[in-house]
Amino acid sequence: MSSPGSAAHDTPLVLVTGASGYIGGRLVPALLEAGLRVRAMARHADRLRDRPWRDQVEVVEADVEDPASLDAALEGIDVAYYLIHAMGAGRRFADRDRQGARSFAGAAARADVRRIVYLGGIHPEGVELSAHMASRKEVGDILLAGPVPAVVLRAAVILGSGSASFEIMRHLAERLPVMIAPQWVRNRIQPTAVRDVLHYLVAAARLEGAPNRTFDVGGPDVLTFAQLLHAYARAAGLPRRRIRTVPVLTPRLASHWIGLVTPVPTGIARPLVESLIHESVAAEHDLHDLVPDPEGGLTGVGRAIELALTRIRELDVATAWHSATPAGAPSAPLPEDPDWSGGIVRGDQRERRVDASPETLWAVIEGIGGRHGWYSWRLGWVARGLMDRVVGGPGLRRGRRHPDRLVVGDAVDWWRVERLEDSRLLRLRAEMRLPGQAWLELAVAPTDDGRAILHQRAIYHPRGLLGDLYWWAVWPFHGIVFGGMQRNIARAAETAGPVRARARPTPHDAATTSGASRSPDDPDAPGGIA
C-alpha cells in the first residue's frame, strides 16, 4: 500500500473499489473534492499510475477473490464503496459476483467498517429478471444482509460521455437514421446524469444514522428509450430518427446487432439491453428527503446529453466504459520474464534503423491505433477485427481516448496499454478473443548520430493445442502484418515534421477518436457509468 503522506486523520477514510474502472475512477476525485480521505483499490495498482489524483490518495492492490488482500485494503476504513461487477465476464459471472460480495461483506465486518455503499440498477418487483440484473440485485441483497450497514443506490440508464449506455445510444442514433427495434424500446426509463449519480454516491458516505436499505436514484425525466434516441438526435443536430418496432428481436439478437454497429462488445451490450426489457422508473424518492439536490437541481436528459457531447468534442476524458480491465484478462509478467512459468512462448521480433529523431518516431508509436490505424495490412486488420466482434470481442471499434497520447490502462482498439515508458517503450496486451495470451511491444533506442532504432516484437503464449494451431495458421501472414507495420511506422516517422516536446498526459487530456468513450460530462464534476 502506498500513501500520499498528507491527510487529516480526523477526516473519514473511504475505500473505493474498482478505482481503475469507469465510475470508480470518477468517484475518487469527487470524494477528494468533498474533503474526504480516499484509499483507491484496484486489482492492478499500476493502472492508477497516471491518474491526476494519484498523489492525493492511498493506493492498495487487492482482489475480492483474495480475502487476505481485502483485509489489508479495508484496515482503518470508515466507508467502503463496492463498485465491482463481473459484467461480460463469462458464464460464471453470477458466481463471481456472489462470492465477491460475500467476501467483501465479511472483510468489512472484520475491519469494523461503518458503512458499505453499493451502486446497483433499478428494476421492477415481482418479475423474472435477466441474469445480469438478477445478479446485481443479489449483490445488493447480500450486502444488506451482512453485518455492516449498507446503502444500496439503484439507478437506471446513466447518461455520461464514456458510459456504455451513452455510446450505444450515440452510435445507434448517429449511424442508423432508420432503425428496426424490439418492442421494449417503448418501455419507460428514468435516466440519470452521471454528475447526479456521483453527487448521491458522495452524499451516501455522510448520511446520518445507519440506514440499511435501498434508495432509488432517478433524474427529472421519464421517457422511453426510443424518445431518448430522439433526444440525442436533437442535441447532436441530427434529423429525427425513424424507429420501427418488431416483436421478434430478442435481447440476444439485439445485443449481437449492437455489438456490430457500436463500439460496445456483445458481452457488455447484452446485460444493458436486457435491463431495458422491463421498465426502469424510480419507485420511491426517499433519498431526496435526506440529501439536498445538486446545486442547480437535477440534470435533465437534454442537458446531460449536451454536456456529454461537449466533453467529447473537447477531448476531455476521465474514464470510459472500457477503462476497467476485464476479469480474467492476462496481465504481466511477460512470458520471457524470469518468474514466468507459462510454458511455450512464440514470438516475432524485428529491428529497423529509422531516419528520424527518437522523439519523432515515438510520436508515431504513441499515436498508433484508433484513427491512425496500425500501419499494416489494413484489410487483414479489419477482417480480424470483424471476426473478433462476431465472437463477442472488442474488435477495432473501441478506438482510443485521445488521438495522440496514451496512459497506462488505456484501451487501444483490441489492445490495452500495459506498460509505458515515455519516449522509450510501449507494451500492449491483447484483449481480443484468441486461444492464448498476446503482447505487442514497440521500443525506441537513440543512435549516436541523433537517429533512432525501432525495436518491435510480438509475443504469444498459446493455450493448448488450439493455441498452437492458431499460431501456425497465422504465421504465414506475419511478414505482411508485422513486417509491413515496421516499415510503415518507420516511413511515417521519416516523412513527419519535427515534434514539439510535450508533457506526459493525464486521463483528463484524452477522448475517444474511433467510437468509444470520452469523459466527465459537466465542467464542474466528473463523469458516468454504463
Protein backbone atom coordinates (compact mmCIF):
# COMPACT_ATOMS: atom_id res chain seq x y z
CA MET A 1 0.00 0.00 0.00
CA SER A 2 1.25 3.49 -0.80
CA SER A 3 0.23 6.75 0.84
CA PRO A 4 0.21 10.37 -0.27
CA GLY A 5 1.78 11.27 3.03
CA SER A 6 -0.56 14.15 3.90
CA ALA A 7 -4.06 13.73 5.29
CA ALA A 8 -6.15 14.98 8.17
CA HIS A 9 -6.56 11.83 10.22
CA ASP A 10 -9.77 13.05 11.85
CA THR A 11 -11.39 13.05 8.37
CA PRO A 12 -13.24 9.86 7.37
CA LEU A 13 -11.19 7.45 5.28
CA VAL A 14 -13.14 5.84 2.43
CA LEU A 15 -12.23 2.92 0.22
CA VAL A 16 -13.16 2.97 -3.47
CA THR A 17 -13.03 -0.49 -5.02
CA GLY A 18 -12.71 -0.72 -8.77
CA ALA A 19 -10.84 2.60 -8.81
CA SER A 20 -9.44 1.82 -12.26
CA GLY A 21 -12.96 1.37 -13.59
CA TYR A 22 -15.49 3.75 -15.03
CA ILE A 23 -17.45 5.02 -12.01
CA GLY A 24 -14.66 4.33 -9.51
CA GLY A 25 -12.18 6.43 -11.44
CA ARG A 26 -14.59 9.36 -11.39
CA LEU A 27 -15.81 8.93 -7.84
CA VAL A 28 -12.30 9.29 -6.37
CA PRO A 29 -11.83 12.97 -7.36
CA ALA A 30 -15.41 13.75 -6.34
CA LEU A 31 -14.74 12.36 -2.86
CA LEU A 32 -11.48 14.30 -2.61
CA GLU A 33 -13.29 17.49 -3.58
CA ALA A 34 -15.78 16.78 -0.79
CA GLY A 35 -12.90 16.75 1.71
CA LEU A 36 -12.72 13.00 2.37
CA ARG A 37 -9.58 10.91 2.55
CA VAL A 38 -9.52 8.20 -0.10
CA ARG A 39 -7.89 4.82 -0.46
CA ALA A 40 -8.15 3.55 -4.04
CA MET A 41 -8.27 -0.20 -4.62
CA ALA A 42 -7.53 -1.96 -7.90
CA ARG A 43 -6.50 -5.45 -8.94
CA HIS A 44 -3.51 -3.90 -10.70
CA ALA A 45 -2.28 -0.79 -8.91
CA ASP A 46 -0.14 0.30 -11.85
CA ARG A 47 -3.38 1.04 -13.75
CA LEU A 48 -3.74 4.09 -11.48
CA ARG A 49 -0.25 5.43 -12.09
CA ASP A 50 -1.23 8.23 -14.47
CA ARG A 51 -4.49 9.31 -12.84
CA PRO A 52 -4.38 13.03 -11.99
CA TRP A 53 -5.42 12.31 -8.41
CA ARG A 54 -2.82 9.56 -7.85
CA ASP A 55 -0.65 11.58 -5.44
CA GLN A 56 -3.64 12.62 -3.32
CA VAL A 57 -4.77 9.11 -2.34
CA GLU A 58 -3.55 5.90 -0.84
CA VAL A 59 -3.38 3.05 -3.33
CA VAL A 60 -3.82 -0.61 -2.46
CA GLU A 61 -3.70 -3.64 -4.71
CA ALA A 62 -6.38 -6.16 -3.79
CA ASP A 63 -8.86 -8.62 -5.25
CA VAL A 64 -12.26 -9.63 -3.87
CA GLU A 65 -11.27 -13.24 -4.59
CA ASP A 66 -8.32 -12.89 -2.18
CA PRO A 67 -9.60 -12.40 1.42
CA ALA A 68 -6.14 -11.57 2.79
CA SER A 69 -5.74 -8.69 0.36
CA LEU A 70 -9.21 -7.41 1.29
CA ASP A 71 -8.30 -7.36 4.99
CA ALA A 72 -5.32 -5.12 4.22
CA ALA A 73 -7.36 -2.89 1.90
CA LEU A 74 -10.12 -2.35 4.48
CA GLU A 75 -7.92 -1.72 7.51
CA GLY A 76 -8.91 1.59 9.12
CA ILE A 77 -11.69 2.29 6.61
CA ASP A 78 -14.85 4.15 7.67
CA VAL A 79 -16.92 3.83 4.47
CA ALA A 80 -16.32 1.34 1.66
CA TYR A 81 -17.69 1.74 -1.88
CA TYR A 82 -18.33 -1.58 -3.57
CA LEU A 83 -18.24 -0.90 -7.33
CA ILE A 84 -17.40 -4.31 -8.71
CA HIS A 85 -19.44 -6.19 -11.30
CA ALA A 86 -18.46 -9.20 -13.39
CA MET A 87 -20.31 -7.80 -16.42
CA GLY A 88 -19.17 -9.60 -19.55
CA ALA A 89 -17.01 -11.97 -17.50
CA GLY A 90 -18.25 -15.28 -18.88
CA ARG A 91 -20.89 -17.79 -17.86
CA ARG A 92 -19.86 -17.87 -14.19
CA PHE A 93 -20.30 -14.14 -13.67
CA ALA A 94 -23.13 -14.66 -11.15
CA ASP A 95 -20.96 -16.98 -9.04
CA ARG A 96 -18.12 -14.44 -9.14
CA ASP A 97 -20.47 -11.60 -8.17
CA ARG A 98 -21.98 -13.64 -5.34
CA GLN A 99 -18.68 -14.80 -3.88
CA GLY A 100 -17.11 -11.36 -4.25
CA ALA A 101 -19.96 -9.69 -2.35
CA ARG A 102 -19.82 -12.25 0.44
CA SER A 103 -16.05 -11.94 0.78
CA PHE A 104 -16.25 -8.16 0.85
CA ALA A 105 -19.05 -8.09 3.44
CA GLY A 106 -17.09 -10.44 5.67
CA ALA A 107 -13.85 -8.48 5.34
CA ALA A 108 -15.69 -5.20 6.03
CA ALA A 109 -17.09 -6.68 9.25
CA ARG A 110 -13.65 -7.85 10.36
CA ALA A 111 -12.29 -4.34 9.75
CA ASP A 112 -15.16 -2.65 11.66
CA VAL A 113 -16.18 -0.64 8.60
CA ARG A 114 -19.06 1.71 9.43
CA ARG A 115 -20.91 1.57 6.09
CA ILE A 116 -20.83 -0.06 2.65
CA VAL A 117 -22.14 1.85 -0.38
CA TYR A 118 -23.16 -0.06 -3.49
CA LEU A 119 -24.45 1.11 -6.89
CA GLY A 120 -26.99 -1.22 -8.50
CA GLY A 121 -29.80 -0.92 -11.01
CA ILE A 122 -33.49 -0.02 -10.79
CA HIS A 123 -35.74 -2.97 -11.53
CA PRO A 124 -39.43 -3.77 -11.05
CA GLU A 125 -40.53 -6.06 -8.25
CA GLY A 126 -42.24 -9.41 -8.72
CA VAL A 127 -40.98 -10.17 -12.24
CA GLU A 128 -38.33 -12.53 -13.56
CA LEU A 129 -35.17 -10.50 -14.09
CA SER A 130 -32.39 -11.04 -16.61
CA ALA A 131 -29.38 -12.98 -15.35
CA HIS A 132 -27.19 -9.88 -15.02
CA MET A 133 -29.87 -7.74 -13.38
CA ALA A 134 -30.70 -10.58 -11.00
CA SER A 135 -27.02 -10.84 -10.11
CA ARG A 136 -26.77 -7.13 -9.36
CA LYS A 137 -29.87 -7.38 -7.17
CA GLU A 138 -28.39 -10.40 -5.39
CA VAL A 139 -25.18 -8.50 -4.65
CA GLY A 140 -27.20 -5.70 -3.08
CA ASP A 141 -29.21 -8.21 -1.03
CA ILE A 142 -26.02 -9.90 0.21
CA LEU A 143 -24.58 -6.59 1.36
CA LEU A 144 -27.84 -5.56 3.04
CA ALA A 145 -27.99 -8.91 4.86
CA GLY A 146 -24.40 -8.61 6.07
CA PRO A 147 -23.16 -7.39 9.44
CA VAL A 148 -22.16 -3.94 8.12
CA PRO A 149 -24.99 -1.47 7.30
CA ALA A 150 -25.23 -0.89 3.56
CA VAL A 151 -26.63 1.90 1.41
CA VAL A 152 -27.66 0.48 -1.96
CA LEU A 153 -28.29 3.14 -4.59
CA ARG A 154 -30.26 1.97 -7.64
CA ALA A 155 -30.12 3.86 -10.93
CA ALA A 156 -31.48 3.19 -14.41
CA VAL A 157 -29.63 4.38 -17.53
CA ILE A 158 -26.82 6.71 -16.52
CA LEU A 159 -26.07 9.44 -19.05
CA GLY A 160 -22.45 10.40 -19.32
CA SER A 161 -19.90 10.58 -22.08
CA GLY A 162 -17.87 7.42 -21.96
CA SER A 163 -20.58 5.22 -20.46
CA ALA A 164 -21.50 2.09 -22.39
CA SER A 165 -25.15 3.16 -22.36
CA PHE A 166 -24.30 6.55 -23.82
CA GLU A 167 -22.04 5.06 -26.50
CA ILE A 168 -24.77 2.60 -27.56
CA MET A 169 -27.28 5.43 -27.79
CA ARG A 170 -24.84 7.73 -29.60
CA HIS A 171 -23.79 5.24 -32.25
CA LEU A 172 -27.29 3.94 -32.89
CA ALA A 173 -28.59 7.48 -33.36
CA GLU A 174 -25.68 8.66 -35.49
CA ARG A 175 -25.32 5.60 -37.73
CA LEU A 176 -28.92 4.48 -38.20
CA PRO A 177 -31.41 7.08 -39.42
CA VAL A 178 -33.91 4.21 -39.69
CA MET A 179 -33.95 1.51 -37.00
CA ILE A 180 -35.75 -1.80 -36.62
CA ALA A 181 -36.03 -2.20 -32.87
CA PRO A 182 -37.68 -4.55 -30.36
CA GLN A 183 -40.99 -3.51 -28.82
CA TRP A 184 -39.42 -2.90 -25.44
CA VAL A 185 -37.75 0.31 -26.71
CA ARG A 186 -41.20 1.71 -25.83
CA ASN A 187 -40.77 0.80 -22.15
CA ARG A 188 -40.31 3.72 -19.77
CA ILE A 189 -36.93 4.52 -18.25
CA GLN A 190 -35.75 7.25 -15.91
CA PRO A 191 -32.21 8.24 -16.95
CA THR A 192 -29.88 9.98 -14.52
CA ALA A 193 -26.98 12.27 -15.38
CA VAL A 194 -23.70 10.89 -14.15
CA ARG A 195 -22.93 14.08 -12.23
CA ASP A 196 -26.11 13.49 -10.19
CA VAL A 197 -25.21 9.86 -9.52
CA LEU A 198 -21.79 10.96 -8.24
CA HIS A 199 -23.48 13.61 -6.08
CA TYR A 200 -25.57 10.94 -4.34
CA LEU A 201 -22.68 8.49 -4.06
CA VAL A 202 -20.59 11.10 -2.25
CA ALA A 203 -23.52 12.06 -0.01
CA ALA A 204 -24.05 8.40 0.94
CA ALA A 205 -20.78 8.47 2.88
CA ARG A 206 -22.19 11.06 5.26
CA LEU A 207 -25.82 10.02 5.67
CA GLU A 208 -26.99 10.44 9.25
CA GLY A 209 -27.63 7.32 11.30
CA ALA A 210 -27.11 3.84 9.95
CA PRO A 211 -29.64 3.24 7.16
CA ASN A 212 -29.51 -0.29 5.83
CA ARG A 213 -31.72 -0.12 2.75
CA THR A 214 -32.04 0.64 -0.95
CA PHE A 215 -32.66 4.09 -2.41
CA ASP A 216 -33.83 4.68 -5.97
CA VAL A 217 -31.98 7.43 -7.82
CA GLY A 218 -33.69 8.96 -10.84
CA GLY A 219 -33.43 12.07 -12.97
CA PRO A 220 -36.24 14.56 -13.59
CA ASP A 221 -37.38 12.99 -16.89
CA VAL A 222 -39.26 9.75 -17.54
CA LEU A 223 -39.28 8.66 -21.18
CA THR A 224 -38.81 5.64 -23.43
CA PHE A 225 -35.51 4.53 -24.94
CA ALA A 226 -36.93 5.49 -28.33
CA GLN A 227 -37.56 9.00 -27.03
CA LEU A 228 -34.04 9.03 -25.62
CA LEU A 229 -32.67 8.34 -29.11
CA HIS A 230 -34.75 11.22 -30.45
CA ALA A 231 -33.41 13.46 -27.67
CA TYR A 232 -29.87 12.58 -28.64
CA ALA A 233 -30.59 13.33 -32.31
CA ARG A 234 -31.92 16.78 -31.36
CA ALA A 235 -28.89 17.58 -29.20
CA ALA A 236 -26.49 16.40 -31.91
CA GLY A 237 -28.26 18.32 -34.65
CA LEU A 238 -29.39 15.19 -36.50
CA PRO A 239 -32.69 14.70 -38.34
CA ARG A 240 -35.36 12.88 -36.38
CA ARG A 241 -34.64 9.14 -36.29
CA ARG A 242 -37.25 6.74 -37.64
CA ILE A 243 -37.83 3.78 -35.33
CA ARG A 244 -39.95 0.78 -36.28
CA THR A 245 -40.62 -1.93 -33.69
CA VAL A 246 -40.93 -5.67 -34.28
CA PRO A 247 -41.97 -8.38 -31.79
CA VAL A 248 -39.27 -10.92 -32.64
CA LEU A 249 -35.98 -9.17 -31.85
CA THR A 250 -34.72 -10.95 -28.70
CA PRO A 251 -32.14 -9.41 -26.34
CA ARG A 252 -29.55 -11.88 -27.65
CA LEU A 253 -30.13 -10.83 -31.26
CA ALA A 254 -30.31 -7.17 -30.31
CA SER A 255 -27.04 -7.34 -28.38
CA HIS A 256 -25.28 -9.00 -31.32
CA TRP A 257 -26.56 -6.25 -33.59
CA ILE A 258 -25.37 -3.58 -31.14
CA GLY A 259 -22.01 -5.34 -30.94
CA LEU A 260 -21.60 -4.94 -34.71
CA VAL A 261 -22.92 -1.37 -35.02
CA THR A 262 -21.40 0.25 -31.91
CA PRO A 263 -18.01 0.03 -30.14
CA VAL A 264 -19.58 -1.85 -27.21
CA PRO A 265 -18.95 -5.62 -27.50
CA THR A 266 -21.83 -8.08 -27.36
CA GLY A 267 -20.79 -9.30 -23.90
CA ILE A 268 -21.20 -5.79 -22.46
CA ALA A 269 -24.19 -4.83 -24.62
CA ARG A 270 -26.33 -7.80 -23.68
CA PRO A 271 -26.84 -7.04 -19.96
CA LEU A 272 -27.55 -3.42 -20.86
CA VAL A 273 -30.10 -4.48 -23.46
CA GLU A 274 -31.68 -6.94 -21.04
CA SER A 275 -32.11 -4.16 -18.49
CA LEU A 276 -34.46 -2.42 -20.94
CA ILE A 277 -36.87 -5.37 -21.14
CA HIS A 278 -38.58 -4.06 -18.01
CA GLU A 279 -39.47 -0.50 -17.14
CA SER A 280 -36.85 1.22 -15.02
CA VAL A 281 -38.56 4.00 -13.12
CA ALA A 282 -37.86 5.03 -9.53
CA ALA A 283 -40.44 3.56 -7.17
CA GLU A 284 -39.60 5.96 -4.32
CA HIS A 285 -37.72 9.21 -3.76
CA ASP A 286 -36.80 8.86 -0.09
CA LEU A 287 -33.18 9.88 -0.70
CA HIS A 288 -34.36 13.36 -1.69
CA ASP A 289 -35.60 13.83 1.90
CA LEU A 290 -32.13 13.03 3.27
CA VAL A 291 -29.83 14.60 0.67
CA PRO A 292 -30.31 18.01 -0.97
CA ASP A 293 -30.35 18.09 -4.76
CA PRO A 294 -27.13 19.05 -6.55
CA GLU A 295 -26.51 22.77 -6.97
CA GLY A 296 -28.74 23.95 -9.78
CA GLY A 297 -31.06 20.98 -9.42
CA LEU A 298 -31.13 17.59 -11.12
CA THR A 299 -29.91 17.47 -14.70
CA GLY A 300 -32.49 16.80 -17.39
CA VAL A 301 -31.92 14.45 -20.30
CA GLY A 302 -31.31 17.18 -22.87
CA ARG A 303 -28.76 18.98 -20.71
CA ALA A 304 -27.00 15.73 -19.79
CA ILE A 305 -26.58 14.83 -23.46
CA GLU A 306 -25.32 18.33 -24.30
CA LEU A 307 -22.72 18.18 -21.53
CA ALA A 308 -21.56 14.76 -22.69
CA LEU A 309 -21.21 15.91 -26.28
CA THR A 310 -19.25 18.97 -25.15
CA ARG A 311 -16.72 16.78 -23.38
CA ILE A 312 -16.45 14.54 -26.42
CA ARG A 313 -15.72 17.50 -28.69
CA GLU A 314 -13.19 18.94 -26.23
CA LEU A 315 -11.27 15.63 -25.93
CA ASP A 316 -11.66 15.91 -22.16
CA VAL A 317 -11.81 12.41 -20.65
CA ALA A 318 -11.60 10.95 -17.17
CA THR A 319 -12.65 7.31 -17.69
CA ALA A 320 -14.57 5.25 -20.22
CA TRP A 321 -16.65 2.06 -20.21
CA HIS A 322 -13.54 0.13 -21.26
CA SER A 323 -11.35 1.67 -18.51
CA ALA A 324 -11.56 -1.41 -16.29
CA THR A 325 -9.54 -4.48 -17.21
CA PRO A 326 -11.91 -7.38 -17.98
CA ALA A 327 -11.98 -10.13 -15.37
CA GLY A 328 -9.73 -12.99 -16.33
CA ALA A 329 -7.70 -10.93 -18.78
CA PRO A 330 -3.99 -11.78 -19.00
CA SER A 331 -1.54 -9.46 -17.32
CA ALA A 332 2.15 -9.01 -16.57
CA PRO A 333 4.66 -10.53 -16.26
CA LEU A 334 5.64 -11.15 -19.82
CA PRO A 335 6.36 -14.78 -20.74
CA GLU A 336 10.08 -14.04 -21.07
CA ASP A 337 10.40 -12.67 -17.55
CA PRO A 338 12.35 -14.84 -15.08
CA ASP A 339 9.31 -15.65 -12.92
CA TRP A 340 7.19 -16.79 -15.86
CA SER A 341 6.20 -20.43 -15.76
CA GLY A 342 3.64 -20.49 -18.52
CA GLY A 343 5.36 -22.88 -20.92
CA ILE A 344 5.89 -22.41 -24.66
CA VAL A 345 6.26 -18.89 -25.98
CA ARG A 346 6.12 -17.89 -29.65
CA GLY A 347 7.38 -14.60 -30.99
CA ASP A 348 8.18 -12.34 -33.91
CA GLN A 349 10.99 -9.87 -33.34
CA ARG A 350 12.22 -7.18 -35.75
CA GLU A 351 14.60 -4.22 -35.68
CA ARG A 352 14.95 -1.30 -38.08
CA ARG A 353 17.01 1.87 -38.27
CA VAL A 354 14.82 4.94 -38.83
CA ASP A 355 16.00 8.15 -40.43
CA ALA A 356 14.18 10.31 -37.89
CA SER A 357 14.76 11.56 -34.37
CA PRO A 358 13.72 9.38 -31.42
CA GLU A 359 11.10 12.00 -30.49
CA THR A 360 9.51 11.88 -33.95
CA LEU A 361 9.48 8.08 -34.00
CA TRP A 362 7.95 7.97 -30.53
CA ALA A 363 5.17 10.37 -31.56
CA VAL A 364 4.18 7.94 -34.33
CA ILE A 365 4.27 4.96 -31.96
CA GLU A 366 2.24 6.68 -29.24
CA GLY A 367 -0.40 7.61 -31.81
CA ILE A 368 -0.87 4.06 -33.13
CA GLY A 369 -4.37 2.59 -33.42
CA GLY A 370 -7.69 4.42 -33.49
CA ARG A 371 -7.98 6.78 -36.42
CA HIS A 372 -4.27 6.45 -37.26
CA GLY A 373 -4.61 2.72 -37.82
CA TRP A 374 -1.92 0.08 -37.38
CA TYR A 375 0.46 0.94 -40.22
CA SER A 376 -0.04 -2.54 -41.59
CA TRP A 377 -2.20 -4.67 -43.86
CA ARG A 378 -5.47 -2.80 -43.43
CA LEU A 379 -7.72 -5.47 -44.93
CA GLY A 380 -6.22 -8.11 -42.62
CA TRP A 381 -6.74 -5.96 -39.52
CA VAL A 382 -10.30 -5.08 -40.49
CA ALA A 383 -11.16 -8.73 -41.19
CA ARG A 384 -9.63 -9.87 -37.89
CA GLY A 385 -11.49 -7.11 -36.07
CA LEU A 386 -14.82 -8.17 -37.57
CA MET A 387 -14.15 -11.78 -36.61
CA ASP A 388 -13.46 -10.66 -33.05
CA ARG A 389 -16.69 -8.67 -32.91
CA VAL A 390 -18.72 -11.63 -34.15
CA VAL A 391 -17.48 -13.80 -31.25
CA GLY A 392 -18.08 -11.05 -28.68
CA GLY A 393 -14.64 -9.44 -28.55
CA PRO A 394 -13.87 -5.70 -28.68
CA GLY A 395 -12.64 -5.69 -32.28
CA LEU A 396 -11.21 -2.40 -33.53
CA ARG A 397 -14.10 -0.11 -32.57
CA ARG A 398 -13.04 0.78 -29.05
CA GLY A 399 -10.60 3.20 -30.63
CA ARG A 400 -8.55 5.44 -28.34
CA ARG A 401 -9.41 8.03 -25.73
CA HIS A 402 -7.03 10.56 -27.30
CA PRO A 403 -5.65 10.61 -30.85
CA ASP A 404 -2.01 11.11 -29.86
CA ARG A 405 -1.48 10.41 -26.16
CA LEU A 406 -1.62 7.30 -24.01
CA VAL A 407 -1.56 6.40 -20.33
CA VAL A 408 -1.19 3.01 -18.68
CA GLY A 409 -4.52 1.19 -18.71
CA ASP A 410 -5.83 2.86 -21.86
CA ALA A 411 -7.70 0.71 -24.36
CA VAL A 412 -6.41 0.94 -27.93
CA ASP A 413 -8.77 -0.98 -30.20
CA TRP A 414 -8.41 -4.61 -29.05
CA TRP A 415 -5.26 -3.87 -27.06
CA ARG A 416 -4.64 -2.35 -23.63
CA VAL A 417 -1.62 -0.32 -22.59
CA GLU A 418 0.20 -2.47 -20.08
CA ARG A 419 3.48 -0.59 -19.85
CA LEU A 420 4.50 2.88 -21.00
CA GLU A 421 7.97 4.37 -20.63
CA ASP A 422 7.78 7.84 -22.13
CA SER A 423 9.72 8.17 -25.40
CA ARG A 424 11.11 4.67 -24.98
CA LEU A 425 8.69 1.72 -24.68
CA LEU A 426 5.03 0.89 -25.38
CA ARG A 427 3.73 -2.54 -24.44
CA LEU A 428 0.22 -3.52 -25.48
CA ARG A 429 -1.64 -6.59 -24.20
CA ALA A 430 -4.25 -8.20 -26.44
CA GLU A 431 -7.86 -8.39 -25.24
CA MET A 432 -9.22 -9.90 -28.43
CA ARG A 433 -10.72 -13.38 -28.36
CA LEU A 434 -7.93 -15.85 -29.12
CA PRO A 435 -6.67 -19.17 -27.70
CA GLY A 436 -3.76 -17.72 -25.78
CA GLN A 437 -2.21 -14.52 -24.49
CA ALA A 438 -0.52 -11.96 -26.74
CA TRP A 439 1.52 -8.78 -26.43
CA LEU A 440 2.87 -6.25 -28.90
CA GLU A 441 5.90 -4.22 -27.90
CA LEU A 442 7.30 -1.16 -29.69
CA ALA A 443 10.51 0.43 -28.41
CA VAL A 444 12.74 3.33 -29.44
CA ALA A 445 16.54 3.40 -29.00
CA PRO A 446 18.59 6.51 -29.90
CA THR A 447 21.68 6.26 -32.08
CA ASP A 448 24.91 8.22 -31.80
CA ASP A 449 24.01 10.37 -34.80
CA GLY A 450 20.67 11.51 -33.37
CA ARG A 451 18.54 9.00 -35.26
CA ALA A 452 16.56 6.08 -33.86
CA ILE A 453 16.27 2.31 -33.88
CA LEU A 454 12.76 0.82 -33.89
CA HIS A 455 12.50 -2.44 -31.94
CA GLN A 456 9.30 -4.38 -32.50
CA ARG A 457 8.27 -7.73 -31.10
CA ALA A 458 5.05 -9.71 -30.95
CA ILE A 459 4.82 -12.28 -28.15
CA TYR A 460 2.30 -15.09 -27.97
CA HIS A 461 1.72 -17.70 -25.27
CA PRO A 462 -0.54 -20.39 -26.79
CA ARG A 463 -3.18 -22.13 -24.69
CA GLY A 464 -3.20 -25.83 -25.54
CA LEU A 465 -3.28 -27.42 -28.96
CA LEU A 466 -5.80 -24.91 -30.30
CA GLY A 467 -3.45 -22.09 -29.35
CA ASP A 468 -0.59 -23.69 -31.25
CA LEU A 469 -2.77 -24.32 -34.28
CA TYR A 470 -3.83 -20.67 -34.25
CA TRP A 471 -0.20 -19.51 -34.20
CA TRP A 472 0.82 -21.66 -37.15
CA ALA A 473 -2.34 -20.73 -39.07
CA VAL A 474 -1.47 -17.00 -38.93
CA TRP A 475 2.32 -17.46 -39.16
CA PRO A 476 2.44 -17.13 -42.99
CA PHE A 477 0.93 -13.64 -42.66
CA HIS A 478 3.50 -12.34 -40.16
CA GLY A 479 5.70 -10.89 -42.86
CA ILE A 480 2.77 -8.89 -44.22
CA VAL A 481 1.37 -7.85 -40.82
CA PHE A 482 4.44 -7.26 -38.68
CA GLY A 483 6.91 -6.56 -41.46
CA GLY A 484 4.53 -4.05 -43.01
CA MET A 485 3.89 -2.46 -39.62
CA GLN A 486 7.59 -1.87 -39.01
CA ARG A 487 8.22 -0.46 -42.49
CA ASN A 488 5.21 1.86 -42.39
CA ILE A 489 5.90 3.15 -38.86
CA ALA A 490 9.43 3.96 -39.98
CA ARG A 491 8.16 5.65 -43.15
CA ALA A 492 5.62 7.70 -41.19
CA ALA A 493 8.34 8.93 -38.83
CA GLU A 494 10.74 9.72 -41.67
CA THR A 495 8.15 11.81 -43.50
CA ALA A 496 6.76 13.55 -40.40
CA GLY A 497 7.66 17.08 -39.42
CA PRO A 498 9.51 17.96 -36.21
CA VAL A 499 7.75 17.11 -32.98
CA ARG A 500 7.49 19.58 -30.13
CA ALA A 501 8.19 18.30 -26.62
CA ARG A 502 5.04 17.73 -24.58
CA ALA A 503 4.21 16.90 -21.01
CA ARG A 504 3.15 13.39 -20.02
CA PRO A 505 -0.66 13.40 -20.32
CA THR A 506 -3.23 12.61 -17.72
CA PRO A 507 -6.54 10.92 -18.41
CA HIS A 508 -8.18 14.36 -18.40
CA ASP A 509 -6.33 15.08 -21.66
CA ALA A 510 -7.98 12.24 -23.54
CA ALA A 511 -11.01 11.28 -25.62
CA THR A 512 -12.13 8.51 -27.90
CA THR A 513 -11.35 9.04 -31.54
CA SER A 514 -12.94 5.97 -33.03
CA GLY A 515 -16.24 5.42 -31.38
CA ALA A 516 -15.67 4.71 -27.73
CA SER A 517 -15.97 6.97 -24.76
CA ARG A 518 -14.74 10.24 -23.59
CA SER A 519 -15.24 11.70 -20.18
CA PRO A 520 -16.62 13.92 -17.44
CA ASP A 521 -19.91 15.33 -18.54
CA ASP A 522 -20.01 18.57 -16.69
CA PRO A 523 -17.49 21.39 -16.31
CA ASP A 524 -17.94 21.13 -12.56
CA ALA A 525 -17.98 17.39 -11.99
CA PRO A 526 -16.54 14.05 -13.09
CA GLY A 527 -18.42 11.66 -15.42
CA GLY A 528 -20.61 8.39 -15.84
CA ILE A 529 -21.24 4.66 -15.95
CA ALA A 530 -23.00 2.15 -18.13
